[in-house]
PDB file of all heavy atoms in Angstrom:
ATOM      1  N   ASP A   1       9.788  11.726   2.319  1.00  0.00           N
ATOM      2  CA  ASP A   1      10.000  10.398   2.621  1.00  0.00           C
ATOM      3  C   ASP A   1       8.680   9.543   2.539  1.00  0.00           C
ATOM      4  O   ASP A   1       8.672   8.442   2.129  1.00  0.00           O
ATOM      5  CB  ASP A   1      10.584  10.305   4.089  1.00  0.00           C
ATOM      6  CG  ASP A   1      12.049  10.604   4.115  1.00  0.00           C
ATOM      7  OD1 ASP A   1      12.662  10.770   3.049  1.00  0.00           O
ATOM      8  OD2 ASP A   1      12.559  10.676   5.304  1.00  0.00           O
ATOM      9  N   ASP A   2       7.614  10.174   3.102  1.00  0.00           N
ATOM     10  CA  ASP A   2       6.242   9.469   3.025  1.00  0.00           C
ATOM     11  C   ASP A   2       5.850   9.260   1.644  1.00  0.00           C
ATOM     12  O   ASP A   2       5.379   8.191   1.273  1.00  0.00           O
ATOM     13  CB  ASP A   2       5.296  10.490   3.806  1.00  0.00           C
ATOM     14  CG  ASP A   2       3.914   9.813   3.886  1.00  0.00           C
ATOM     15  OD1 ASP A   2       3.747   8.511   3.799  1.00  0.00           O
ATOM     16  OD2 ASP A   2       2.918  10.448   4.087  1.00  0.00           O
ATOM     17  N   LEU A   3       5.966  10.250   0.736  1.00  0.00           N
ATOM     18  CA  LEU A   3       5.530  10.053  -0.626  1.00  0.00           C
ATOM     19  C   LEU A   3       6.329   9.030  -1.348  1.00  0.00           C
ATOM     20  O   LEU A   3       5.750   8.262  -2.180  1.00  0.00           O
ATOM     21  CB  LEU A   3       5.599  11.432  -1.295  1.00  0.00           C
ATOM     22  CG  LEU A   3       4.642  12.501  -0.901  1.00  0.00           C
ATOM     23  CD1 LEU A   3       4.828  13.739  -1.667  1.00  0.00           C
ATOM     24  CD2 LEU A   3       3.171  11.958  -1.140  1.00  0.00           C
ATOM     25  N   ALA A   4       7.667   9.006  -1.071  1.00  0.00           N
ATOM     26  CA  ALA A   4       8.519   7.953  -1.749  1.00  0.00           C
ATOM     27  C   ALA A   4       8.059   6.573  -1.314  1.00  0.00           C
ATOM     28  O   ALA A   4       7.984   5.608  -2.190  1.00  0.00           O
ATOM     29  CB  ALA A   4       9.966   8.236  -1.369  1.00  0.00           C
ATOM     30  N   ALA A   5       7.859   6.346  -0.012  1.00  0.00           N
ATOM     31  CA  ALA A   5       7.330   5.023   0.442  1.00  0.00           C
ATOM     32  C   ALA A   5       5.939   4.717  -0.071  1.00  0.00           C
ATOM     33  O   ALA A   5       5.678   3.632  -0.368  1.00  0.00           O
ATOM     34  CB  ALA A   5       7.396   5.051   2.008  1.00  0.00           C
ATOM     35  N   LEU A   6       5.101   5.793  -0.122  1.00  0.00           N
ATOM     36  CA  LEU A   6       3.755   5.599  -0.662  1.00  0.00           C
ATOM     37  C   LEU A   6       3.711   5.103  -2.124  1.00  0.00           C
ATOM     38  O   LEU A   6       3.021   4.262  -2.526  1.00  0.00           O
ATOM     39  CB  LEU A   6       2.917   6.785  -0.548  1.00  0.00           C
ATOM     40  CG  LEU A   6       1.497   6.786  -0.978  1.00  0.00           C
ATOM     41  CD1 LEU A   6       0.656   5.784  -0.184  1.00  0.00           C
ATOM     42  CD2 LEU A   6       0.912   8.074  -0.826  1.00  0.00           C
ATOM     43  N   ASP A   7       4.657   5.737  -2.947  1.00  0.00           N
ATOM     44  CA  ASP A   7       4.760   5.359  -4.354  1.00  0.00           C
ATOM     45  C   ASP A   7       5.073   3.900  -4.445  1.00  0.00           C
ATOM     46  O   ASP A   7       4.666   3.133  -5.345  1.00  0.00           O
ATOM     47  CB  ASP A   7       5.844   6.120  -5.040  1.00  0.00           C
ATOM     48  CG  ASP A   7       5.251   7.645  -5.441  1.00  0.00           C
ATOM     49  OD1 ASP A   7       3.996   7.810  -5.414  1.00  0.00           O
ATOM     50  OD2 ASP A   7       6.033   8.440  -5.729  1.00  0.00           O
ATOM     51  N   ALA A   8       6.049   3.420  -3.580  1.00  0.00           N
ATOM     52  CA  ALA A   8       6.354   1.984  -3.647  1.00  0.00           C
ATOM     53  C   ALA A   8       5.237   1.124  -3.315  1.00  0.00           C
ATOM     54  O   ALA A   8       4.943   0.030  -3.879  1.00  0.00           O
ATOM     55  CB  ALA A   8       7.502   1.802  -2.697  1.00  0.00           C
ATOM     56  N   VAL A   9       4.339   1.493  -2.322  1.00  0.00           N
ATOM     57  CA  VAL A   9       3.255   0.713  -1.881  1.00  0.00           C
ATOM     58  C   VAL A   9       2.150   0.749  -3.010  1.00  0.00           C
ATOM     59  O   VAL A   9       1.598  -0.255  -3.345  1.00  0.00           O
ATOM     60  CB  VAL A   9       2.707   1.322  -0.620  1.00  0.00           C
ATOM     61  CG1 VAL A   9       1.264   0.647  -0.344  1.00  0.00           C
ATOM     62  CG2 VAL A   9       3.628   1.087   0.554  1.00  0.00           C
ATOM     63  N   LEU A  10       1.838   1.970  -3.541  1.00  0.00           N
ATOM     64  CA  LEU A  10       0.857   2.031  -4.546  1.00  0.00           C
ATOM     65  C   LEU A  10       1.178   1.321  -5.824  1.00  0.00           C
ATOM     66  O   LEU A  10       0.316   0.933  -6.661  1.00  0.00           O
ATOM     67  CB  LEU A  10       0.504   3.508  -4.878  1.00  0.00           C
ATOM     68  CG  LEU A  10       0.049   4.361  -3.723  1.00  0.00           C
ATOM     69  CD1 LEU A  10      -0.330   5.943  -4.135  1.00  0.00           C
ATOM     70  CD2 LEU A  10      -1.212   3.723  -3.122  1.00  0.00           C
ATOM     71  N   ALA A  11       2.385   1.128  -6.107  1.00  0.00           N
ATOM     72  CA  ALA A  11       2.915   0.473  -7.317  1.00  0.00           C
ATOM     73  C   ALA A  11       2.372  -1.027  -7.365  1.00  0.00           C
ATOM     74  O   ALA A  11       2.307  -1.702  -8.349  1.00  0.00           O
ATOM     75  CB  ALA A  11       4.325   0.457  -7.331  1.00  0.00           C
ATOM     76  N   GLN A  12       1.970  -1.541  -6.147  1.00  0.00           N
ATOM     77  CA  GLN A  12       1.436  -2.957  -6.138  1.00  0.00           C
ATOM     78  C   GLN A  12      -0.007  -2.983  -6.626  1.00  0.00           C
ATOM     79  O   GLN A  12      -0.531  -4.138  -7.095  1.00  0.00           O
ATOM     80  CB  GLN A  12       1.438  -3.392  -4.579  1.00  0.00           C
ATOM     81  CG  GLN A  12       2.734  -3.365  -3.943  1.00  0.00           C
ATOM     82  CD  GLN A  12       2.581  -3.602  -2.520  1.00  0.00           C
ATOM     83  OE1 GLN A  12       1.564  -4.299  -2.015  1.00  0.00           O
ATOM     84  NE2 GLN A  12       3.566  -3.107  -1.599  1.00  0.00           N
ATOM     85  N   ALA A  13      -0.753  -1.950  -6.638  1.00  0.00           N
ATOM     86  CA  ALA A  13      -2.205  -1.873  -6.959  1.00  0.00           C
ATOM     87  C   ALA A  13      -2.531  -2.539  -8.333  1.00  0.00           C
ATOM     88  O   ALA A  13      -3.360  -3.283  -8.414  1.00  0.00           O
ATOM     89  CB  ALA A  13      -2.766  -0.465  -6.708  1.00  0.00           C
ATOM     90  N   PRO A  14      -1.840  -2.109  -9.411  1.00  0.00           N
ATOM     91  CA  PRO A  14      -2.164  -2.586 -10.711  1.00  0.00           C
ATOM     92  C   PRO A  14      -2.126  -4.092 -10.878  1.00  0.00           C
ATOM     93  O   PRO A  14      -2.721  -4.626 -11.788  1.00  0.00           O
ATOM     94  CB  PRO A  14      -1.258  -1.867 -11.675  1.00  0.00           C
ATOM     95  CG  PRO A  14      -0.853  -0.611 -10.967  1.00  0.00           C
ATOM     96  CD  PRO A  14      -0.815  -1.053  -9.475  1.00  0.00           C
ATOM     97  N   ALA A  15      -1.354  -4.761 -10.027  1.00  0.00           N
ATOM     98  CA  ALA A  15      -1.147  -6.160 -10.143  1.00  0.00           C
ATOM     99  C   ALA A  15      -2.268  -7.003  -9.317  1.00  0.00           C
ATOM    100  O   ALA A  15      -2.349  -8.264  -9.445  1.00  0.00           O
ATOM    101  CB  ALA A  15       0.217  -6.547  -9.682  1.00  0.00           C
ATOM    102  N   VAL A  16      -3.075  -6.294  -8.555  1.00  0.00           N
ATOM    103  CA  VAL A  16      -4.027  -6.935  -7.729  1.00  0.00           C
ATOM    104  C   VAL A  16      -5.129  -7.654  -8.670  1.00  0.00           C
ATOM    105  O   VAL A  16      -5.684  -6.917  -9.581  1.00  0.00           O
ATOM    106  CB  VAL A  16      -4.701  -6.000  -6.816  1.00  0.00           C
ATOM    107  CG1 VAL A  16      -6.034  -6.537  -6.139  1.00  0.00           C
ATOM    108  CG2 VAL A  16      -3.658  -5.576  -5.711  1.00  0.00           C
ATOM    109  N   ARG A  17      -5.467  -8.810  -8.332  1.00  0.00           N
ATOM    110  CA  ARG A  17      -6.528  -9.450  -9.159  1.00  0.00           C
ATOM    111  C   ARG A  17      -7.506 -10.189  -8.139  1.00  0.00           C
ATOM    112  O   ARG A  17      -8.680 -10.532  -8.574  1.00  0.00           O
ATOM    113  CB  ARG A  17      -6.049 -10.506 -10.064  1.00  0.00           C
ATOM    114  CG  ARG A  17      -5.190 -10.007 -11.285  1.00  0.00           C
ATOM    115  CD  ARG A  17      -6.156  -9.150 -12.191  1.00  0.00           C
ATOM    116  NE  ARG A  17      -5.358  -8.628 -13.369  1.00  0.00           N
ATOM    117  CZ  ARG A  17      -4.765  -7.419 -13.324  1.00  0.00           C
ATOM    118  NH1 ARG A  17      -4.726  -6.743 -12.135  1.00  0.00           N
ATOM    119  NH2 ARG A  17      -4.224  -6.901 -14.327  1.00  0.00           N
ATOM    120  N   HIS A  18      -7.138 -10.405  -6.921  1.00  0.00           N
ATOM    121  CA  HIS A  18      -8.008 -11.192  -6.051  1.00  0.00           C
ATOM    122  C   HIS A  18      -7.978 -10.508  -4.655  1.00  0.00           C
ATOM    123  O   HIS A  18      -7.197  -9.688  -4.348  1.00  0.00           O
ATOM    124  CB  HIS A  18      -7.452 -12.547  -5.867  1.00  0.00           C
ATOM    125  CG  HIS A  18      -7.481 -13.390  -7.206  1.00  0.00           C
ATOM    126  ND1 HIS A  18      -8.629 -13.702  -7.842  1.00  0.00           N
ATOM    127  CD2 HIS A  18      -6.434 -13.826  -7.980  1.00  0.00           C
ATOM    128  CE1 HIS A  18      -8.317 -14.273  -9.040  1.00  0.00           C
ATOM    129  NE2 HIS A  18      -7.033 -14.324  -9.122  1.00  0.00           N
ATOM    130  N   VAL A  19      -9.051 -10.863  -3.817  1.00  0.00           N
ATOM    131  CA  VAL A  19      -9.265 -10.128  -2.588  1.00  0.00           C
ATOM    132  C   VAL A  19      -8.055 -10.244  -1.639  1.00  0.00           C
ATOM    133  O   VAL A  19      -7.823  -9.253  -0.982  1.00  0.00           O
ATOM    134  CB  VAL A  19     -10.488 -10.719  -1.969  1.00  0.00           C
ATOM    135  CG1 VAL A  19     -10.669 -10.296  -0.454  1.00  0.00           C
ATOM    136  CG2 VAL A  19     -11.794 -10.258  -2.613  1.00  0.00           C
ATOM    137  N   ASP A  20      -7.373 -11.436  -1.600  1.00  0.00           N
ATOM    138  CA  ASP A  20      -6.275 -11.536  -0.619  1.00  0.00           C
ATOM    139  C   ASP A  20      -5.125 -10.556  -0.995  1.00  0.00           C
ATOM    140  O   ASP A  20      -4.406  -9.926  -0.209  1.00  0.00           O
ATOM    141  CB  ASP A  20      -5.723 -12.899  -0.560  1.00  0.00           C
ATOM    142  CG  ASP A  20      -5.342 -13.463  -1.902  1.00  0.00           C
ATOM    143  OD1 ASP A  20      -5.896 -12.980  -2.853  1.00  0.00           O
ATOM    144  OD2 ASP A  20      -4.571 -14.509  -1.966  1.00  0.00           O
ATOM    145  N   GLU A  21      -4.929 -10.413  -2.286  1.00  0.00           N
ATOM    146  CA  GLU A  21      -3.946  -9.384  -2.792  1.00  0.00           C
ATOM    147  C   GLU A  21      -4.417  -7.981  -2.467  1.00  0.00           C
ATOM    148  O   GLU A  21      -3.558  -7.147  -2.166  1.00  0.00           O
ATOM    149  CB  GLU A  21      -3.701  -9.509  -4.308  1.00  0.00           C
ATOM    150  CG  GLU A  21      -3.200 -10.935  -4.666  1.00  0.00           C
ATOM    151  CD  GLU A  21      -3.258 -11.155  -6.184  1.00  0.00           C
ATOM    152  OE1 GLU A  21      -4.015 -10.454  -6.888  1.00  0.00           O
ATOM    153  OE2 GLU A  21      -2.621 -12.166  -6.663  1.00  0.00           O
ATOM    154  N   ALA A  22      -5.616  -7.627  -2.630  1.00  0.00           N
ATOM    155  CA  ALA A  22      -6.184  -6.383  -2.306  1.00  0.00           C
ATOM    156  C   ALA A  22      -6.075  -5.971  -0.833  1.00  0.00           C
ATOM    157  O   ALA A  22      -5.592  -4.886  -0.418  1.00  0.00           O
ATOM    158  CB  ALA A  22      -7.585  -6.240  -2.705  1.00  0.00           C
ATOM    159  N   TRP A  23      -6.229  -7.068   0.012  1.00  0.00           N
ATOM    160  CA  TRP A  23      -6.112  -7.001   1.493  1.00  0.00           C
ATOM    161  C   TRP A  23      -4.653  -6.548   1.684  1.00  0.00           C
ATOM    162  O   TRP A  23      -4.387  -5.516   2.583  1.00  0.00           O
ATOM    163  CB  TRP A  23      -6.436  -8.250   2.119  1.00  0.00           C
ATOM    164  CG  TRP A  23      -6.294  -8.197   3.639  1.00  0.00           C
ATOM    165  CD1 TRP A  23      -5.094  -8.292   4.315  1.00  0.00           C
ATOM    166  CD2 TRP A  23      -7.324  -8.048   4.579  1.00  0.00           C
ATOM    167  NE1 TRP A  23      -5.311  -8.227   5.746  1.00  0.00           N
ATOM    168  CE2 TRP A  23      -6.670  -8.003   5.872  1.00  0.00           C
ATOM    169  CE3 TRP A  23      -8.658  -7.885   4.570  1.00  0.00           C
ATOM    170  CZ2 TRP A  23      -7.492  -7.971   7.057  1.00  0.00           C
ATOM    171  CZ3 TRP A  23      -9.450  -7.789   5.749  1.00  0.00           C
ATOM    172  CH2 TRP A  23      -8.755  -7.797   6.976  1.00  0.00           C
ATOM    173  N   GLN A  24      -3.692  -7.219   1.097  1.00  0.00           N
ATOM    174  CA  GLN A  24      -2.224  -6.894   1.508  1.00  0.00           C
ATOM    175  C   GLN A  24      -1.964  -5.419   0.947  1.00  0.00           C
ATOM    176  O   GLN A  24      -1.129  -4.774   1.684  1.00  0.00           O
ATOM    177  CB  GLN A  24      -1.341  -7.869   0.728  1.00  0.00           C
ATOM    178  CG  GLN A  24      -1.380  -9.344   1.236  1.00  0.00           C
ATOM    179  CD  GLN A  24      -0.608 -10.338   0.401  1.00  0.00           C
ATOM    180  OE1 GLN A  24       0.030  -9.915  -0.607  1.00  0.00           O
ATOM    181  NE2 GLN A  24      -0.807 -11.661   0.737  1.00  0.00           N
ATOM    182  N   CYS A  25      -2.478  -5.035  -0.200  1.00  0.00           N
ATOM    183  CA  CYS A  25      -2.086  -3.678  -0.604  1.00  0.00           C
ATOM    184  C   CYS A  25      -2.764  -2.574   0.345  1.00  0.00           C
ATOM    185  O   CYS A  25      -2.120  -1.649   0.646  1.00  0.00           O
ATOM    186  CB  CYS A  25      -2.750  -3.504  -2.100  1.00  0.00           C
ATOM    187  SG  CYS A  25      -2.295  -1.923  -2.842  1.00  0.00           S
ATOM    188  N   VAL A  26      -4.077  -2.812   0.716  1.00  0.00           N
ATOM    189  CA  VAL A  26      -4.567  -1.808   1.653  1.00  0.00           C
ATOM    190  C   VAL A  26      -3.992  -1.920   2.981  1.00  0.00           C
ATOM    191  O   VAL A  26      -3.731  -0.834   3.611  1.00  0.00           O
ATOM    192  CB  VAL A  26      -6.160  -2.271   1.889  1.00  0.00           C
ATOM    193  CG1 VAL A  26      -6.788  -1.499   3.036  1.00  0.00           C
ATOM    194  CG2 VAL A  26      -6.906  -1.946   0.640  1.00  0.00           C
ATOM    195  N   GLN A  27      -3.541  -3.031   3.523  1.00  0.00           N
ATOM    196  CA  GLN A  27      -2.728  -3.180   4.691  1.00  0.00           C
ATOM    197  C   GLN A  27      -1.536  -2.366   4.726  1.00  0.00           C
ATOM    198  O   GLN A  27      -1.101  -1.644   5.610  1.00  0.00           O
ATOM    199  CB  GLN A  27      -2.450  -4.625   4.999  1.00  0.00           C
ATOM    200  CG  GLN A  27      -1.947  -4.937   6.299  1.00  0.00           C
ATOM    201  CD  GLN A  27      -1.775  -6.388   6.533  1.00  0.00           C
ATOM    202  OE1 GLN A  27      -1.199  -7.171   5.769  1.00  0.00           O
ATOM    203  NE2 GLN A  27      -2.195  -6.875   7.644  1.00  0.00           N
ATOM    204  N   ALA A  28      -0.732  -2.441   3.601  1.00  0.00           N
ATOM    205  CA  ALA A  28       0.492  -1.700   3.476  1.00  0.00           C
ATOM    206  C   ALA A  28       0.330  -0.234   3.527  1.00  0.00           C
ATOM    207  O   ALA A  28       0.971   0.527   3.997  1.00  0.00           O
ATOM    208  CB  ALA A  28       1.124  -2.134   2.177  1.00  0.00           C
ATOM    209  N   GLN A  29      -0.791   0.268   2.843  1.00  0.00           N
ATOM    210  CA  GLN A  29      -1.119   1.694   2.814  1.00  0.00           C
ATOM    211  C   GLN A  29      -1.503   2.158   4.176  1.00  0.00           C
ATOM    212  O   GLN A  29      -1.031   3.246   4.669  1.00  0.00           O
ATOM    213  CB  GLN A  29      -2.238   1.969   1.840  1.00  0.00           C
ATOM    214  CG  GLN A  29      -1.944   1.842   0.456  1.00  0.00           C
ATOM    215  CD  GLN A  29      -3.057   2.290  -0.440  1.00  0.00           C
ATOM    216  OE1 GLN A  29      -3.524   3.393  -0.461  1.00  0.00           O
ATOM    217  NE2 GLN A  29      -3.582   1.424  -1.292  1.00  0.00           N
ATOM    218  N   LEU A  30      -2.294   1.413   4.929  1.00  0.00           N
ATOM    219  CA  LEU A  30      -2.708   1.870   6.260  1.00  0.00           C
ATOM    220  C   LEU A  30      -1.447   1.813   7.224  1.00  0.00           C
ATOM    221  O   LEU A  30      -1.390   2.731   8.102  1.00  0.00           O
ATOM    222  CB  LEU A  30      -3.789   0.933   6.845  1.00  0.00           C
ATOM    223  CG  LEU A  30      -4.669   1.579   7.938  1.00  0.00           C
ATOM    224  CD1 LEU A  30      -5.353   2.894   7.476  1.00  0.00           C
ATOM    225  CD2 LEU A  30      -5.695   0.537   8.366  1.00  0.00           C
ATOM    226  N   ALA A  31      -0.627   0.790   7.109  1.00  0.00           N
ATOM    227  CA  ALA A  31       0.541   0.833   7.918  1.00  0.00           C
ATOM    228  C   ALA A  31       1.422   2.030   7.648  1.00  0.00           C
ATOM    229  O   ALA A  31       2.042   2.572   8.589  1.00  0.00           O
ATOM    230  CB  ALA A  31       1.343  -0.510   7.663  1.00  0.00           C
ATOM    231  N   LEU A  32       1.564   2.358   6.421  1.00  0.00           N
ATOM    232  CA  LEU A  32       2.324   3.625   6.100  1.00  0.00           C
ATOM    233  C   LEU A  32       1.721   4.781   6.668  1.00  0.00           C
ATOM    234  O   LEU A  32       2.443   5.698   7.287  1.00  0.00           O
ATOM    235  CB  LEU A  32       2.545   3.758   4.660  1.00  0.00           C
ATOM    236  CG  LEU A  32       3.483   4.905   4.144  1.00  0.00           C
ATOM    237  CD1 LEU A  32       4.838   4.743   4.661  1.00  0.00           C
ATOM    238  CD2 LEU A  32       3.449   4.893   2.600  1.00  0.00           C
ATOM    239  N   ALA A  33       0.379   4.902   6.549  1.00  0.00           N
ATOM    240  CA  ALA A  33      -0.339   6.083   7.138  1.00  0.00           C
ATOM    241  C   ALA A  33      -0.115   6.136   8.634  1.00  0.00           C
ATOM    242  O   ALA A  33      -0.063   7.129   9.218  1.00  0.00           O
ATOM    243  CB  ALA A  33      -1.821   5.923   6.784  1.00  0.00           C
ATOM    244  N   HIS A  34       0.095   4.953   9.226  1.00  0.00           N
ATOM    245  CA  HIS A  34       0.280   4.969  10.750  1.00  0.00           C
ATOM    246  C   HIS A  34       1.591   5.589  11.005  1.00  0.00           C
ATOM    247  O   HIS A  34       1.766   6.251  12.001  1.00  0.00           O
ATOM    248  CB  HIS A  34       0.196   3.461  11.295  1.00  0.00           C
ATOM    249  CG  HIS A  34       0.414   3.386  12.732  1.00  0.00           C
ATOM    250  ND1 HIS A  34      -0.508   3.814  13.644  1.00  0.00           N
ATOM    251  CD2 HIS A  34       1.388   2.972  13.440  1.00  0.00           C
ATOM    252  CE1 HIS A  34      -0.138   3.580  14.860  1.00  0.00           C
ATOM    253  NE2 HIS A  34       1.050   3.029  14.737  1.00  0.00           N
ATOM    254  N   GLN A  35       2.598   5.256  10.243  1.00  0.00           N
ATOM    255  CA  GLN A  35       3.959   5.711  10.445  1.00  0.00           C
ATOM    256  C   GLN A  35       4.115   7.235  10.411  1.00  0.00           C
ATOM    257  O   GLN A  35       4.894   7.863  11.027  1.00  0.00           O
ATOM    258  CB  GLN A  35       5.002   5.111   9.430  1.00  0.00           C
ATOM    259  CG  GLN A  35       5.164   3.676   9.685  1.00  0.00           C
ATOM    260  CD  GLN A  35       6.112   3.095   8.667  1.00  0.00           C
ATOM    261  OE1 GLN A  35       7.152   3.704   8.293  1.00  0.00           O
ATOM    262  NE2 GLN A  35       5.855   1.871   8.112  1.00  0.00           N
ATOM    263  N   TYR A  36       3.194   7.849   9.527  1.00  0.00           N
ATOM    264  CA  TYR A  36       3.217   9.291   9.263  1.00  0.00           C
ATOM    265  C   TYR A  36       1.809   9.897   9.641  1.00  0.00           C
ATOM    266  O   TYR A  36       1.471  10.916   9.051  1.00  0.00           O
ATOM    267  CB  TYR A  36       3.505   9.657   7.832  1.00  0.00           C
ATOM    268  CG  TYR A  36       5.006   9.274   7.439  1.00  0.00           C
ATOM    269  CD1 TYR A  36       5.325   8.026   6.993  1.00  0.00           C
ATOM    270  CD2 TYR A  36       6.059  10.327   7.542  1.00  0.00           C
ATOM    271  CE1 TYR A  36       6.631   7.664   6.663  1.00  0.00           C
ATOM    272  CE2 TYR A  36       7.291   9.875   7.258  1.00  0.00           C
ATOM    273  CZ  TYR A  36       7.559   8.663   6.712  1.00  0.00           C
ATOM    274  OH  TYR A  36       8.867   8.359   6.426  1.00  0.00           O
ATOM    275  N   ARG A  37       1.198   9.386  10.787  1.00  0.00           N
ATOM    276  CA  ARG A  37      -0.135   9.710  10.984  1.00  0.00           C
ATOM    277  C   ARG A  37      -0.262  11.196  11.414  1.00  0.00           C
ATOM    278  O   ARG A  37      -1.346  11.808  11.234  1.00  0.00           O
ATOM    279  CB  ARG A  37      -0.761   8.863  12.055  1.00  0.00           C
ATOM    280  CG  ARG A  37       0.062   8.796  13.402  1.00  0.00           C
ATOM    281  CD  ARG A  37      -0.499   7.715  14.240  1.00  0.00           C
ATOM    282  NE  ARG A  37       0.326   7.491  15.446  1.00  0.00           N
ATOM    283  CZ  ARG A  37       1.505   6.846  15.649  1.00  0.00           C
ATOM    284  NH1 ARG A  37       2.046   6.266  14.517  1.00  0.00           N
ATOM    285  NH2 ARG A  37       1.976   6.669  16.771  1.00  0.00           N
TER     286      ARG A  37
END
C-alpha cells in the first residue's frame, strides 16, 4: 500500500519547474512517510 501511494506521489516530480511546486511534492512525500513511519 505504501509503495503504491508513493508511486503516485513521485509521479509529480518530473513536472516540477518551480520552488512552490517542489515544496508541494516534498510535502506530499513527507506526509506519506508520516502515515507509514
